[in-house]
N, C-alpha and C. Protein backbone atom coordinates (compact mmCIF):
# COMPACT_ATOMS: atom_id res chain seq x y z
N MET A 1 0.85 -1.18 0.00
CA MET A 1 0.00 0.00 0.00
C MET A 1 0.89 1.24 0.00
N ALA A 2 0.54 2.23 -0.79
CA ALA A 2 1.35 3.44 -0.91
C ALA A 2 1.31 4.26 0.38
N GLU A 3 2.45 4.88 0.66
CA GLU A 3 2.53 5.71 1.85
C GLU A 3 1.84 7.04 1.59
N LYS A 4 1.04 7.49 2.55
CA LYS A 4 0.32 8.74 2.40
C LYS A 4 1.28 9.91 2.57
N LYS A 5 1.20 10.89 1.64
CA LYS A 5 2.09 12.05 1.71
C LYS A 5 1.68 12.96 2.85
N LYS A 6 2.66 13.53 3.50
CA LYS A 6 2.41 14.48 4.59
C LYS A 6 2.00 15.80 3.97
N THR A 7 0.98 16.41 4.52
CA THR A 7 0.54 17.72 4.08
C THR A 7 0.94 18.74 5.13
N TYR A 8 1.54 19.82 4.66
CA TYR A 8 2.01 20.87 5.56
C TYR A 8 1.06 22.06 5.50
N THR A 9 0.88 22.73 6.63
CA THR A 9 0.01 23.90 6.68
C THR A 9 0.71 25.08 6.05
N VAL A 10 -0.07 26.10 5.72
CA VAL A 10 0.50 27.33 5.16
C VAL A 10 1.47 27.95 6.16
N GLU A 11 1.15 27.85 7.43
CA GLU A 11 2.01 28.41 8.47
C GLU A 11 3.37 27.71 8.52
N GLU A 12 3.37 26.38 8.42
CA GLU A 12 4.62 25.62 8.40
C GLU A 12 5.46 26.00 7.18
N LYS A 13 4.79 26.14 6.05
CA LYS A 13 5.49 26.52 4.82
C LYS A 13 6.06 27.93 4.94
N ARG A 14 5.26 28.84 5.52
CA ARG A 14 5.70 30.23 5.66
C ARG A 14 6.94 30.32 6.55
N ILE A 15 6.95 29.56 7.64
CA ILE A 15 8.10 29.57 8.55
C ILE A 15 9.35 29.10 7.81
N ALA A 16 9.24 28.00 7.05
CA ALA A 16 10.39 27.48 6.31
C ALA A 16 10.89 28.49 5.30
N VAL A 17 9.97 29.15 4.59
CA VAL A 17 10.34 30.14 3.59
C VAL A 17 11.02 31.33 4.24
N GLU A 18 10.49 31.78 5.37
CA GLU A 18 11.09 32.91 6.07
C GLU A 18 12.49 32.60 6.58
N LEU A 19 12.71 31.38 7.06
CA LEU A 19 14.05 31.00 7.51
C LEU A 19 15.05 31.11 6.36
N TYR A 20 14.58 30.81 5.15
CA TYR A 20 15.47 30.92 3.99
C TYR A 20 15.63 32.36 3.52
N THR A 21 14.50 33.06 3.32
CA THR A 21 14.56 34.40 2.74
C THR A 21 15.04 35.46 3.73
N ARG A 22 14.52 35.43 4.93
CA ARG A 22 14.85 36.47 5.91
C ARG A 22 16.15 36.18 6.64
N ASP A 23 16.30 34.92 7.09
CA ASP A 23 17.47 34.57 7.91
C ASP A 23 18.64 34.06 7.09
N GLY A 24 18.39 33.70 5.83
CA GLY A 24 19.46 33.26 4.96
C GLY A 24 20.01 31.87 5.27
N LEU A 25 19.24 31.06 5.97
CA LEU A 25 19.69 29.70 6.29
C LEU A 25 19.64 28.84 5.02
N PRO A 26 20.57 27.91 4.87
CA PRO A 26 20.54 27.01 3.71
C PRO A 26 19.41 25.99 3.83
N PHE A 27 18.99 25.48 2.68
CA PHE A 27 17.89 24.51 2.64
C PHE A 27 18.17 23.31 3.53
N ARG A 28 19.41 22.81 3.49
CA ARG A 28 19.76 21.62 4.26
C ARG A 28 19.55 21.83 5.76
N GLU A 29 19.95 22.99 6.25
CA GLU A 29 19.81 23.27 7.69
C GLU A 29 18.33 23.42 8.08
N ILE A 30 17.56 24.10 7.24
CA ILE A 30 16.12 24.26 7.51
C ILE A 30 15.44 22.89 7.52
N ALA A 31 15.80 22.06 6.55
CA ALA A 31 15.21 20.72 6.45
C ALA A 31 15.52 19.90 7.70
N ARG A 32 16.74 19.97 8.17
CA ARG A 32 17.14 19.22 9.36
C ARG A 32 16.40 19.73 10.59
N GLU A 33 16.30 21.06 10.71
CA GLU A 33 15.68 21.67 11.88
C GLU A 33 14.17 21.41 11.95
N LEU A 34 13.49 21.49 10.79
CA LEU A 34 12.03 21.36 10.77
C LEU A 34 11.56 19.95 10.41
N HIS A 35 12.48 19.05 10.07
CA HIS A 35 12.13 17.68 9.66
C HIS A 35 11.22 17.68 8.44
N ILE A 36 11.61 18.47 7.45
CA ILE A 36 10.88 18.58 6.19
C ILE A 36 11.88 18.32 5.07
N PRO A 37 11.49 17.56 4.04
CA PRO A 37 12.42 17.32 2.93
C PRO A 37 12.90 18.63 2.28
N ARG A 38 14.19 18.64 1.95
CA ARG A 38 14.81 19.83 1.36
C ARG A 38 14.13 20.24 0.05
N THR A 39 13.72 19.27 -0.74
CA THR A 39 13.07 19.59 -2.02
C THR A 39 11.75 20.33 -1.81
N ASN A 40 11.02 19.98 -0.75
CA ASN A 40 9.77 20.69 -0.45
C ASN A 40 10.05 22.16 -0.18
N ILE A 41 11.05 22.41 0.63
CA ILE A 41 11.37 23.80 1.00
C ILE A 41 11.78 24.59 -0.23
N ARG A 42 12.61 24.00 -1.06
CA ARG A 42 13.04 24.66 -2.30
C ARG A 42 11.83 24.99 -3.18
N HIS A 43 10.91 24.07 -3.28
CA HIS A 43 9.69 24.27 -4.07
C HIS A 43 8.84 25.41 -3.49
N TRP A 44 8.68 25.43 -2.18
CA TRP A 44 7.88 26.48 -1.52
C TRP A 44 8.50 27.85 -1.72
N VAL A 45 9.83 27.93 -1.66
CA VAL A 45 10.51 29.21 -1.86
C VAL A 45 10.23 29.72 -3.27
N ARG A 46 10.32 28.83 -4.26
CA ARG A 46 10.02 29.23 -5.65
C ARG A 46 8.58 29.71 -5.78
N LEU A 47 7.65 28.97 -5.19
CA LEU A 47 6.24 29.37 -5.24
C LEU A 47 6.03 30.73 -4.57
N TYR A 48 6.67 30.92 -3.42
CA TYR A 48 6.54 32.18 -2.68
C TYR A 48 7.10 33.34 -3.50
N GLU A 49 8.23 33.15 -4.13
CA GLU A 49 8.83 34.20 -4.94
C GLU A 49 7.96 34.55 -6.14
N ARG A 50 7.28 33.55 -6.68
CA ARG A 50 6.45 33.76 -7.87
C ARG A 50 5.05 34.29 -7.53
N GLU A 51 4.43 33.75 -6.45
CA GLU A 51 3.02 34.05 -6.18
C GLU A 51 2.75 34.68 -4.81
N GLY A 52 3.75 34.82 -3.98
CA GLY A 52 3.53 35.35 -2.64
C GLY A 52 2.94 34.29 -1.73
N LEU A 53 2.26 34.74 -0.66
CA LEU A 53 1.68 33.78 0.30
C LEU A 53 0.62 32.89 -0.33
N GLU A 54 -0.07 33.38 -1.36
CA GLU A 54 -1.10 32.56 -2.02
C GLU A 54 -0.48 31.32 -2.65
N GLY A 55 0.77 31.42 -3.06
CA GLY A 55 1.45 30.28 -3.64
C GLY A 55 1.66 29.13 -2.67
N LEU A 56 1.62 29.42 -1.38
CA LEU A 56 1.84 28.39 -0.37
C LEU A 56 0.56 27.67 0.02
N GLU A 57 -0.60 28.15 -0.44
CA GLU A 57 -1.86 27.50 -0.09
C GLU A 57 -2.00 26.18 -0.83
N GLU A 58 -2.70 25.24 -0.23
CA GLU A 58 -2.91 23.92 -0.80
C GLU A 58 -3.77 24.04 -2.05
N LYS A 59 -3.31 23.44 -3.15
CA LYS A 59 -4.06 23.52 -4.40
C LYS A 59 -4.67 22.18 -4.80
N ARG A 60 -4.24 21.12 -4.15
CA ARG A 60 -4.79 19.80 -4.50
C ARG A 60 -6.26 19.74 -4.11
N GLY A 61 -7.05 19.14 -4.97
CA GLY A 61 -8.45 18.95 -4.67
C GLY A 61 -9.32 20.14 -5.01
N LYS A 62 -8.73 21.22 -5.50
CA LYS A 62 -9.53 22.38 -5.88
C LYS A 62 -9.80 22.31 -7.38
N ALA A 63 -11.03 22.03 -7.72
CA ALA A 63 -11.40 21.90 -9.13
C ALA A 63 -11.46 23.28 -9.77
N ARG A 64 -11.02 23.34 -11.00
CA ARG A 64 -11.06 24.60 -11.74
C ARG A 64 -11.98 24.41 -12.95
N GLY A 65 -12.96 25.27 -13.07
CA GLY A 65 -13.84 25.21 -14.23
C GLY A 65 -15.13 24.46 -13.96
N LEU A 66 -16.05 24.63 -14.88
CA LEU A 66 -17.36 24.01 -14.80
C LEU A 66 -17.23 22.51 -15.05
N HIS A 67 -17.90 21.69 -14.27
CA HIS A 67 -17.96 20.24 -14.41
C HIS A 67 -16.64 19.56 -14.12
N LYS A 68 -15.78 20.14 -13.32
CA LYS A 68 -14.53 19.52 -12.92
C LYS A 68 -14.65 19.12 -11.45
N GLY A 69 -14.01 18.05 -11.07
CA GLY A 69 -14.01 17.64 -9.68
C GLY A 69 -15.27 16.89 -9.29
N ARG A 70 -15.57 16.89 -8.02
CA ARG A 70 -16.74 16.19 -7.50
C ARG A 70 -18.02 16.86 -7.96
N LYS A 71 -19.11 16.08 -7.91
CA LYS A 71 -20.41 16.66 -8.24
C LYS A 71 -20.80 17.66 -7.17
N ARG A 72 -21.50 18.68 -7.59
CA ARG A 72 -21.92 19.73 -6.66
C ARG A 72 -23.03 19.24 -5.75
N LYS A 73 -23.02 19.73 -4.53
CA LYS A 73 -24.11 19.42 -3.62
C LYS A 73 -25.30 20.32 -3.95
N ASP A 74 -25.00 21.56 -4.32
CA ASP A 74 -26.06 22.48 -4.71
C ASP A 74 -26.19 22.42 -6.24
N PRO A 75 -27.41 22.48 -6.75
CA PRO A 75 -27.60 22.38 -8.20
C PRO A 75 -27.01 23.59 -8.93
N LEU A 76 -26.75 23.38 -10.23
CA LEU A 76 -26.23 24.46 -11.05
C LEU A 76 -27.27 25.56 -11.20
N SER A 77 -26.80 26.77 -11.40
CA SER A 77 -27.73 27.86 -11.68
C SER A 77 -28.34 27.62 -13.06
N LEU A 78 -29.40 28.32 -13.37
CA LEU A 78 -30.05 28.14 -14.66
C LEU A 78 -29.11 28.47 -15.81
N GLU A 79 -28.29 29.51 -15.64
CA GLU A 79 -27.35 29.90 -16.70
C GLU A 79 -26.29 28.82 -16.92
N GLU A 80 -25.77 28.26 -15.83
CA GLU A 80 -24.77 27.21 -15.94
C GLU A 80 -25.36 25.96 -16.58
N GLU A 81 -26.58 25.64 -16.20
CA GLU A 81 -27.26 24.47 -16.78
C GLU A 81 -27.49 24.68 -18.27
N LEU A 82 -27.87 25.90 -18.66
CA LEU A 82 -28.10 26.21 -20.07
C LEU A 82 -26.80 26.06 -20.87
N VAL A 83 -25.71 26.56 -20.34
CA VAL A 83 -24.41 26.43 -21.01
C VAL A 83 -24.04 24.96 -21.17
N ARG A 84 -24.24 24.18 -20.11
CA ARG A 84 -23.91 22.75 -20.17
C ARG A 84 -24.75 22.02 -21.21
N LEU A 85 -26.06 22.30 -21.23
CA LEU A 85 -26.95 21.63 -22.17
C LEU A 85 -26.65 22.03 -23.62
N ARG A 86 -26.34 23.28 -23.84
CA ARG A 86 -25.99 23.72 -25.21
C ARG A 86 -24.71 23.03 -25.69
N ALA A 87 -23.72 22.94 -24.83
CA ALA A 87 -22.47 22.26 -25.19
C ALA A 87 -22.73 20.78 -25.47
N GLU A 88 -23.57 20.17 -24.66
CA GLU A 88 -23.90 18.77 -24.85
C GLU A 88 -24.62 18.56 -26.18
N ASN A 89 -25.55 19.45 -26.51
CA ASN A 89 -26.27 19.36 -27.79
C ASN A 89 -25.31 19.50 -28.97
N GLU A 90 -24.39 20.45 -28.91
CA GLU A 90 -23.42 20.64 -29.99
C GLU A 90 -22.56 19.39 -30.17
N TYR A 91 -22.15 18.82 -29.07
CA TYR A 91 -21.33 17.61 -29.12
C TYR A 91 -22.12 16.47 -29.78
N LEU A 92 -23.35 16.29 -29.38
CA LEU A 92 -24.17 15.20 -29.93
C LEU A 92 -24.45 15.42 -31.41
N LYS A 93 -24.67 16.66 -31.84
CA LYS A 93 -24.88 16.96 -33.25
C LYS A 93 -23.66 16.58 -34.08
N LYS A 94 -22.48 16.95 -33.59
CA LYS A 94 -21.25 16.62 -34.32
C LYS A 94 -21.03 15.12 -34.37
N LEU A 95 -21.28 14.43 -33.27
CA LEU A 95 -21.14 12.99 -33.22
C LEU A 95 -22.10 12.34 -34.21
N TRP A 96 -23.33 12.79 -34.25
CA TRP A 96 -24.34 12.25 -35.16
C TRP A 96 -23.90 12.46 -36.62
N GLU A 97 -23.39 13.66 -36.93
CA GLU A 97 -22.92 13.96 -38.29
C GLU A 97 -21.76 13.05 -38.69
N LEU A 98 -20.84 12.81 -37.78
CA LEU A 98 -19.71 11.92 -38.07
C LEU A 98 -20.18 10.49 -38.33
N GLN A 99 -21.10 10.02 -37.50
CA GLN A 99 -21.60 8.65 -37.67
C GLN A 99 -22.39 8.53 -38.95
N ARG A 100 -23.17 9.56 -39.28
CA ARG A 100 -23.96 9.54 -40.52
C ARG A 100 -23.05 9.56 -41.73
N GLY A 101 -21.96 10.33 -41.67
CA GLY A 101 -21.02 10.41 -42.77
C GLY A 101 -20.32 9.09 -43.02
N LYS A 102 -20.00 8.35 -41.97
CA LYS A 102 -19.32 7.06 -42.11
C LYS A 102 -20.26 6.01 -42.70
N SER A 103 -21.53 6.05 -42.33
CA SER A 103 -22.47 5.04 -42.80
C SER A 103 -22.84 5.26 -44.27
N GLN A 104 -22.71 6.48 -44.79
CA GLN A 104 -23.04 6.78 -46.18
C GLN A 104 -21.92 6.36 -47.13
N LYS A 105 -20.71 6.19 -46.61
CA LYS A 105 -19.56 5.84 -47.48
C LYS A 105 -19.56 4.43 -47.90
């Protein structure tokens, strides 16, 4: 069975990043002191430099876009449902045309 990855809080990540950026400690020393893999700290520093504190927030499990991720507990709004149904209709029309074209050949 695969080992479950440890998840670190934003606060833990912020402390590690600050030890590097503010105090100038090397990754190896921070890793030893906080018991966190050196590669994680290096990755967090890059994210922090690129995106700030928002870069340190957990991104796993956050679906982006309509119809991504788990099903919604609350139903879609009428506008969202209309967009979904129109896209579904267009898809089915194209599929039908392709199947019809193959059967005529």
